[in-house]
């Protein structure tokens, strides 16, 4: 479906509103790119896609919108290392494989990772979730 079609724009606006996000034109553009399908994108990739036709959305707007989407449960932030952050349109419980050589991030279904024990938690705390990032690279011979 064309992301600029009125039906698609309406669907995206309703999705944002259902999460308590006011659907401004910039937020609609960013959502159309990131939430289009299950994917992992950096803020720079999202900004490039949104501004492909002509620059309309600032870097600050992209970062502020992505932070809001994460706070409201529309996306997840995946920090693969201190210099690489991805925004994940799949918000359900799952894990990731990060290819250090290529920079690719792929999903691992939650049931494919099992823990036999977690550490004792501080008093008054409960587990809110567990996320695993498996970093891989080619063997160097």
N, C-alpha and C. Protein backbone atom coordinates (compact mmCIF):
# COMPACT_ATOMS: atom_id res chain seq x y z
N UNK A 1 0.84 -1.20 0.00
CA UNK A 1 0.00 0.00 0.00
C UNK A 1 0.88 1.25 0.00
N UNK A 2 0.48 2.24 -0.70
CA UNK A 2 1.21 3.50 -0.77
C UNK A 2 1.17 4.21 0.58
N UNK A 3 2.37 4.50 1.19
CA UNK A 3 2.37 5.14 2.50
C UNK A 3 1.78 6.54 2.49
N UNK A 4 1.66 7.14 1.31
CA UNK A 4 1.08 8.47 1.22
C UNK A 4 -0.42 8.43 0.93
N UNK A 5 -0.99 7.24 0.78
CA UNK A 5 -2.42 7.15 0.50
C UNK A 5 -3.22 7.57 1.73
N UNK A 6 -4.38 8.14 1.51
CA UNK A 6 -5.21 8.56 2.65
C UNK A 6 -5.55 7.41 3.60
N UNK A 7 -5.82 6.22 3.05
CA UNK A 7 -6.14 5.06 3.91
C UNK A 7 -4.96 4.70 4.80
N UNK A 8 -3.76 4.67 4.24
CA UNK A 8 -2.57 4.33 5.01
C UNK A 8 -2.28 5.40 6.05
N UNK A 9 -2.39 6.66 5.68
CA UNK A 9 -2.17 7.75 6.63
C UNK A 9 -3.17 7.67 7.79
N UNK A 10 -4.41 7.33 7.49
CA UNK A 10 -5.44 7.20 8.52
C UNK A 10 -5.11 6.04 9.46
N UNK A 11 -4.68 4.91 8.90
CA UNK A 11 -4.32 3.75 9.72
C UNK A 11 -3.15 4.07 10.65
N UNK A 12 -2.14 4.77 10.11
CA UNK A 12 -0.98 5.15 10.92
C UNK A 12 -1.41 6.13 12.02
N UNK A 13 -2.25 7.11 11.67
CA UNK A 13 -2.72 8.09 12.65
C UNK A 13 -3.48 7.39 13.78
N UNK A 14 -4.32 6.43 13.43
CA UNK A 14 -5.08 5.69 14.45
C UNK A 14 -4.15 4.87 15.35
N UNK A 15 -3.11 4.28 14.75
CA UNK A 15 -2.13 3.51 15.54
C UNK A 15 -1.41 4.42 16.53
N UNK A 16 -0.99 5.58 16.08
CA UNK A 16 -0.33 6.52 16.98
C UNK A 16 -1.27 6.96 18.10
N UNK A 17 -2.48 7.33 17.73
CA UNK A 17 -3.45 7.78 18.73
C UNK A 17 -3.76 6.68 19.75
N UNK A 18 -3.80 5.43 19.31
CA UNK A 18 -4.11 4.33 20.23
C UNK A 18 -3.00 4.14 21.27
N UNK A 19 -1.82 4.69 21.00
CA UNK A 19 -0.70 4.63 21.94
C UNK A 19 -0.50 5.98 22.64
N UNK A 20 -1.44 6.89 22.48
CA UNK A 20 -1.35 8.18 23.16
C UNK A 20 -0.40 9.17 22.50
N UNK A 21 -0.16 9.01 21.20
CA UNK A 21 0.75 9.89 20.46
C UNK A 21 -0.08 10.75 19.51
N UNK A 22 0.10 12.06 19.59
CA UNK A 22 -0.59 12.97 18.68
C UNK A 22 0.05 12.82 17.30
N UNK A 23 -0.74 12.54 16.27
CA UNK A 23 -0.19 12.29 14.93
C UNK A 23 0.12 13.56 14.14
N UNK A 24 1.25 14.19 14.46
CA UNK A 24 1.68 15.35 13.68
C UNK A 24 2.18 14.88 12.31
N UNK A 25 2.30 15.77 11.34
CA UNK A 25 2.80 15.35 10.02
C UNK A 25 4.17 14.66 10.09
N UNK A 26 5.08 15.19 10.92
CA UNK A 26 6.41 14.59 11.04
C UNK A 26 6.34 13.20 11.67
N UNK A 27 5.54 13.05 12.70
CA UNK A 27 5.39 11.73 13.35
C UNK A 27 4.77 10.72 12.40
N UNK A 28 3.82 11.17 11.59
CA UNK A 28 3.22 10.28 10.59
C UNK A 28 4.26 9.80 9.58
N UNK A 29 5.14 10.71 9.15
CA UNK A 29 6.18 10.34 8.19
C UNK A 29 7.15 9.33 8.80
N UNK A 30 7.57 9.58 10.03
CA UNK A 30 8.52 8.69 10.70
C UNK A 30 7.87 7.34 10.95
N UNK A 31 6.62 7.34 11.39
CA UNK A 31 5.91 6.08 11.63
C UNK A 31 5.74 5.29 10.34
N UNK A 32 5.46 5.98 9.23
CA UNK A 32 5.27 5.30 7.95
C UNK A 32 6.53 4.55 7.54
N UNK A 33 7.69 5.09 7.89
CA UNK A 33 8.97 4.44 7.55
C UNK A 33 9.26 3.30 8.52
N UNK A 34 9.26 3.57 9.82
CA UNK A 34 9.69 2.58 10.81
C UNK A 34 8.66 1.48 11.03
N UNK A 35 7.40 1.83 11.11
CA UNK A 35 6.37 0.87 11.50
C UNK A 35 5.75 0.15 10.31
N UNK A 36 6.29 0.37 9.12
CA UNK A 36 5.76 -0.23 7.90
C UNK A 36 5.78 -1.75 7.95
N UNK A 37 6.82 -2.32 8.57
CA UNK A 37 6.99 -3.78 8.63
C UNK A 37 7.97 -4.09 9.75
N UNK A 38 8.11 -5.34 10.15
CA UNK A 38 9.13 -5.67 11.15
C UNK A 38 10.52 -5.36 10.61
N UNK A 39 11.25 -4.48 11.29
CA UNK A 39 12.58 -4.10 10.83
C UNK A 39 13.36 -3.40 11.93
N UNK A 40 14.65 -3.25 11.69
CA UNK A 40 15.56 -2.55 12.59
C UNK A 40 16.21 -1.44 11.78
N UNK A 41 16.09 -0.22 12.26
CA UNK A 41 16.66 0.91 11.53
C UNK A 41 17.35 1.85 12.51
N UNK A 42 18.43 2.49 12.06
CA UNK A 42 19.07 3.54 12.86
C UNK A 42 18.30 4.84 12.64
N UNK A 43 18.53 5.81 13.52
CA UNK A 43 17.89 7.11 13.36
C UNK A 43 18.31 7.76 12.04
N UNK A 44 19.57 7.59 11.67
CA UNK A 44 20.04 8.16 10.41
C UNK A 44 19.35 7.53 9.21
N UNK A 45 19.13 6.22 9.25
CA UNK A 45 18.42 5.54 8.16
C UNK A 45 16.98 6.04 8.06
N UNK A 46 16.35 6.22 9.21
CA UNK A 46 14.97 6.71 9.23
C UNK A 46 14.91 8.13 8.68
N UNK A 47 15.85 8.98 9.11
CA UNK A 47 15.86 10.36 8.64
C UNK A 47 16.10 10.41 7.12
N UNK A 48 17.00 9.58 6.62
CA UNK A 48 17.26 9.56 5.18
C UNK A 48 16.03 9.12 4.40
N UNK A 49 15.33 8.11 4.92
CA UNK A 49 14.12 7.63 4.24
C UNK A 49 13.01 8.68 4.27
N UNK A 50 12.84 9.34 5.40
CA UNK A 50 11.79 10.36 5.52
C UNK A 50 12.09 11.55 4.61
N UNK A 51 13.36 11.91 4.51
CA UNK A 51 13.75 13.09 3.75
C UNK A 51 14.22 12.76 2.33
N UNK A 52 13.89 11.58 1.84
CA UNK A 52 14.35 11.15 0.51
C UNK A 52 13.92 12.12 -0.58
N UNK A 53 12.68 12.55 -0.53
CA UNK A 53 12.17 13.45 -1.57
C UNK A 53 12.75 14.86 -1.42
N UNK A 54 12.63 15.40 -0.21
CA UNK A 54 13.21 16.71 0.09
C UNK A 54 13.31 16.82 1.61
N UNK A 55 14.34 17.49 2.11
CA UNK A 55 14.50 17.61 3.57
C UNK A 55 13.31 18.34 4.20
N UNK A 56 12.62 17.63 5.08
CA UNK A 56 11.46 18.21 5.75
C UNK A 56 11.51 17.99 7.26
N UNK A 57 12.24 16.96 7.71
CA UNK A 57 12.23 16.60 9.12
C UNK A 57 13.66 16.69 9.65
N UNK A 58 13.82 17.43 10.75
CA UNK A 58 15.15 17.63 11.32
C UNK A 58 15.61 16.41 12.10
N UNK A 59 16.91 16.35 12.34
CA UNK A 59 17.50 15.26 13.13
C UNK A 59 16.92 15.26 14.54
N UNK A 60 16.77 16.43 15.13
CA UNK A 60 16.21 16.53 16.48
C UNK A 60 14.78 15.98 16.52
N UNK A 61 13.99 16.29 15.50
CA UNK A 61 12.61 15.78 15.44
C UNK A 61 12.61 14.27 15.34
N UNK A 62 13.50 13.72 14.52
CA UNK A 62 13.57 12.26 14.38
C UNK A 62 13.91 11.62 15.73
N UNK A 63 14.96 12.11 16.40
CA UNK A 63 15.36 11.54 17.68
C UNK A 63 14.27 11.70 18.74
N UNK A 64 13.66 12.87 18.81
CA UNK A 64 12.59 13.09 19.79
C UNK A 64 11.39 12.19 19.52
N UNK A 65 11.06 12.01 18.26
CA UNK A 65 9.93 11.15 17.90
C UNK A 65 10.25 9.69 18.21
N UNK A 66 11.46 9.24 17.91
CA UNK A 66 11.83 7.86 18.22
C UNK A 66 11.81 7.61 19.73
N UNK A 67 12.28 8.57 20.51
CA UNK A 67 12.22 8.43 21.97
C UNK A 67 10.76 8.32 22.42
N UNK A 68 9.88 9.15 21.87
CA UNK A 68 8.46 9.10 22.20
C UNK A 68 7.86 7.75 21.81
N UNK A 69 8.16 7.28 20.59
CA UNK A 69 7.63 5.98 20.14
C UNK A 69 8.07 4.87 21.09
N UNK A 70 9.31 4.91 21.57
CA UNK A 70 9.78 3.89 22.51
C UNK A 70 9.06 4.01 23.85
N UNK A 71 8.91 5.22 24.34
CA UNK A 71 8.20 5.44 25.61
C UNK A 71 6.76 4.95 25.55
N UNK A 72 6.13 5.10 24.39
CA UNK A 72 4.72 4.74 24.24
C UNK A 72 4.51 3.31 23.75
N UNK A 73 5.59 2.55 23.56
CA UNK A 73 5.46 1.14 23.19
C UNK A 73 5.26 0.88 21.71
N UNK A 74 5.55 1.86 20.86
CA UNK A 74 5.43 1.66 19.41
C UNK A 74 6.70 1.06 18.81
N UNK A 75 7.82 1.22 19.48
CA UNK A 75 9.10 0.72 19.01
C UNK A 75 9.97 0.40 20.22
N UNK A 76 11.06 -0.33 19.95
CA UNK A 76 12.04 -0.64 20.99
C UNK A 76 13.40 -0.12 20.56
N UNK A 77 14.15 0.37 21.53
CA UNK A 77 15.52 0.78 21.27
C UNK A 77 16.42 -0.41 21.54
N UNK A 78 17.29 -0.75 20.59
CA UNK A 78 18.23 -1.85 20.75
C UNK A 78 19.63 -1.26 20.63
N UNK A 79 20.37 -1.26 21.74
CA UNK A 79 21.73 -0.71 21.77
C UNK A 79 22.68 -1.88 21.60
N UNK A 80 23.29 -1.99 20.42
CA UNK A 80 24.18 -3.13 20.15
C UNK A 80 25.61 -2.87 20.59
N UNK A 81 26.00 -1.62 20.65
CA UNK A 81 27.26 -1.20 21.24
C UNK A 81 27.13 0.30 21.51
N UNK A 82 28.07 0.90 22.21
CA UNK A 82 27.89 2.31 22.59
C UNK A 82 27.71 3.28 21.41
N UNK A 83 28.10 2.85 20.20
CA UNK A 83 27.98 3.75 19.05
C UNK A 83 26.88 3.36 18.07
N UNK A 84 26.19 2.23 18.31
CA UNK A 84 25.17 1.74 17.38
C UNK A 84 23.86 1.50 18.10
N UNK A 85 22.84 2.23 17.68
CA UNK A 85 21.50 2.07 18.25
C UNK A 85 20.54 1.82 17.09
N UNK A 86 19.71 0.80 17.25
CA UNK A 86 18.67 0.50 16.27
C UNK A 86 17.31 0.74 16.92
N UNK A 87 16.34 1.04 16.08
CA UNK A 87 14.96 1.14 16.53
C UNK A 87 14.22 -0.02 15.88
N UNK A 88 13.57 -0.80 16.73
CA UNK A 88 12.94 -2.07 16.34
C UNK A 88 11.44 -1.88 16.33
N UNK A 89 10.81 -2.17 15.20
CA UNK A 89 9.36 -2.02 15.09
C UNK A 89 8.61 -3.21 15.69
N UNK A 90 9.32 -4.27 16.08
CA UNK A 90 8.71 -5.41 16.75
C UNK A 90 8.86 -5.21 18.25
N UNK A 91 7.76 -5.00 18.94
CA UNK A 91 7.84 -4.65 20.36
C UNK A 91 7.61 -5.82 21.30
N UNK A 92 7.18 -6.96 20.76
CA UNK A 92 6.98 -8.14 21.61
C UNK A 92 8.31 -8.71 22.08
N UNK A 93 8.22 -9.63 23.02
CA UNK A 93 9.41 -10.24 23.60
C UNK A 93 10.20 -11.04 22.55
N UNK A 94 11.45 -10.67 22.35
CA UNK A 94 12.36 -11.39 21.46
C UNK A 94 13.78 -10.92 21.71
N UNK A 95 14.73 -11.60 21.08
CA UNK A 95 16.14 -11.30 21.24
C UNK A 95 16.74 -11.00 19.87
N UNK A 96 18.07 -10.78 19.82
CA UNK A 96 18.70 -10.39 18.57
C UNK A 96 20.06 -11.04 18.35
N UNK A 97 20.40 -11.19 17.07
CA UNK A 97 21.76 -11.53 16.65
C UNK A 97 22.29 -10.29 15.94
N UNK A 98 23.44 -9.82 16.38
CA UNK A 98 24.08 -8.65 15.76
C UNK A 98 25.35 -9.11 15.07
N UNK A 99 25.42 -8.91 13.75
CA UNK A 99 26.60 -9.26 12.98
C UNK A 99 27.55 -8.06 13.02
N UNK A 100 28.63 -8.21 13.76
CA UNK A 100 29.59 -7.12 13.94
C UNK A 100 30.23 -6.73 12.62
N UNK A 101 30.45 -7.70 11.72
CA UNK A 101 31.09 -7.43 10.43
C UNK A 101 30.20 -6.62 9.49
N UNK A 102 28.93 -6.96 9.43
CA UNK A 102 28.03 -6.33 8.46
C UNK A 102 27.14 -5.24 9.06
N UNK A 103 26.97 -5.26 10.38
CA UNK A 103 26.07 -4.31 11.03
C UNK A 103 24.62 -4.74 10.98
N UNK A 104 24.35 -5.97 10.51
CA UNK A 104 22.97 -6.47 10.43
C UNK A 104 22.47 -6.91 11.80
N UNK A 105 21.22 -6.62 12.07
CA UNK A 105 20.55 -7.04 13.29
C UNK A 105 19.35 -7.88 12.90
N UNK A 106 19.26 -9.10 13.42
CA UNK A 106 18.13 -9.97 13.10
C UNK A 106 17.48 -10.47 14.39
N UNK A 107 16.22 -10.80 14.29
CA UNK A 107 15.46 -11.26 15.44
C UNK A 107 15.72 -12.72 15.76
N UNK A 108 15.63 -13.04 17.05
CA UNK A 108 15.61 -14.40 17.56
C UNK A 108 14.30 -14.51 18.34
N UNK A 109 13.50 -15.52 18.05
CA UNK A 109 12.25 -15.70 18.79
C UNK A 109 12.57 -15.93 20.26
N UNK A 110 11.72 -15.42 21.13
CA UNK A 110 11.95 -15.51 22.57
C UNK A 110 12.14 -16.95 23.03
N UNK A 111 11.39 -17.90 22.45
CA UNK A 111 11.47 -19.30 22.85
C UNK A 111 12.76 -20.00 22.46
N UNK A 112 13.58 -19.35 21.62
CA UNK A 112 14.84 -19.97 21.21
C UNK A 112 15.97 -19.72 22.19
N UNK A 113 15.73 -18.89 23.21
CA UNK A 113 16.72 -18.60 24.24
C UNK A 113 16.12 -19.01 25.58
N UNK A 114 16.87 -19.78 26.35
CA UNK A 114 16.37 -20.24 27.65
C UNK A 114 17.40 -19.94 28.74
N UNK A 115 16.91 -19.58 29.89
CA UNK A 115 17.75 -19.32 31.04
C UNK A 115 17.40 -20.31 32.14
N UNK A 116 18.41 -20.86 32.77
CA UNK A 116 18.13 -21.76 33.89
C UNK A 116 18.10 -20.99 35.19
N UNK A 117 18.72 -19.81 35.21
CA UNK A 117 18.75 -19.04 36.44
C UNK A 117 19.04 -17.57 36.12
N UNK A 118 18.37 -16.70 36.84
CA UNK A 118 18.65 -15.27 36.80
C UNK A 118 19.19 -14.86 38.16
N UNK A 119 19.92 -13.76 38.24
CA UNK A 119 20.47 -13.34 39.54
C UNK A 119 19.37 -12.92 40.50
N UNK A 120 19.70 -12.96 41.79
CA UNK A 120 18.76 -12.47 42.80
C UNK A 120 18.60 -10.97 42.59
N UNK A 121 17.37 -10.53 42.63
CA UNK A 121 17.08 -9.12 42.38
C UNK A 121 17.14 -8.32 43.67
N UNK A 122 17.42 -7.04 43.58
CA UNK A 122 17.39 -6.19 44.78
C UNK A 122 15.99 -6.19 45.40
N UNK A 123 15.94 -5.95 46.69
CA UNK A 123 14.67 -5.93 47.43
C UNK A 123 13.69 -4.96 46.77
N UNK A 124 12.46 -5.39 46.64
CA UNK A 124 11.40 -4.56 46.10
C UNK A 124 11.37 -4.46 44.57
N UNK A 125 12.23 -5.22 43.90
CA UNK A 125 12.30 -5.17 42.44
C UNK A 125 11.74 -6.44 41.84
N UNK A 126 11.23 -6.34 40.60
CA UNK A 126 10.80 -7.52 39.85
C UNK A 126 11.37 -7.45 38.44
N UNK A 127 11.47 -8.57 37.78
CA UNK A 127 12.00 -8.61 36.42
C UNK A 127 10.99 -8.00 35.46
N UNK A 128 11.43 -7.02 34.68
CA UNK A 128 10.58 -6.35 33.71
C UNK A 128 10.79 -6.93 32.31
N UNK A 129 11.87 -7.66 32.13
CA UNK A 129 12.16 -8.28 30.85
C UNK A 129 13.63 -8.65 30.78
N UNK A 130 13.94 -9.52 29.85
CA UNK A 130 15.32 -9.92 29.61
C UNK A 130 15.55 -9.85 28.11
N UNK A 131 16.59 -9.16 27.71
CA UNK A 131 16.93 -9.04 26.29
C UNK A 131 18.35 -9.55 26.08
N UNK A 132 18.52 -10.40 25.08
CA UNK A 132 19.83 -10.96 24.76
C UNK A 132 20.24 -10.47 23.38
N UNK A 133 21.48 -10.02 23.27
CA UNK A 133 22.06 -9.69 21.97
C UNK A 133 23.26 -10.62 21.79
N UNK A 134 23.19 -11.48 20.79
CA UNK A 134 24.28 -12.39 20.47
C UNK A 134 25.10 -11.71 19.37
N UNK A 135 26.34 -11.37 19.68
CA UNK A 135 27.22 -10.73 18.70
C UNK A 135 28.00 -11.80 17.97
N UNK A 136 27.99 -11.73 16.63
CA UNK A 136 28.70 -12.72 15.83
C UNK A 136 29.63 -12.01 14.84
N UNK A 137 30.66 -12.71 14.42
CA UNK A 137 31.57 -12.23 13.37
C UNK A 137 32.19 -13.44 12.70
N UNK A 138 32.68 -13.24 11.48
CA UNK A 138 33.33 -14.33 10.74
C UNK A 138 34.60 -14.75 11.46
N UNK A 139 34.90 -16.04 11.37
CA UNK A 139 36.16 -16.54 11.88
C UNK A 139 37.28 -15.95 11.05
N UNK A 140 38.35 -15.53 11.70
CA UNK A 140 39.54 -15.12 10.93
C UNK A 140 40.55 -16.24 11.06
N UNK A 141 41.02 -16.74 9.93
CA UNK A 141 41.91 -17.90 9.97
C UNK A 141 43.32 -17.51 9.85
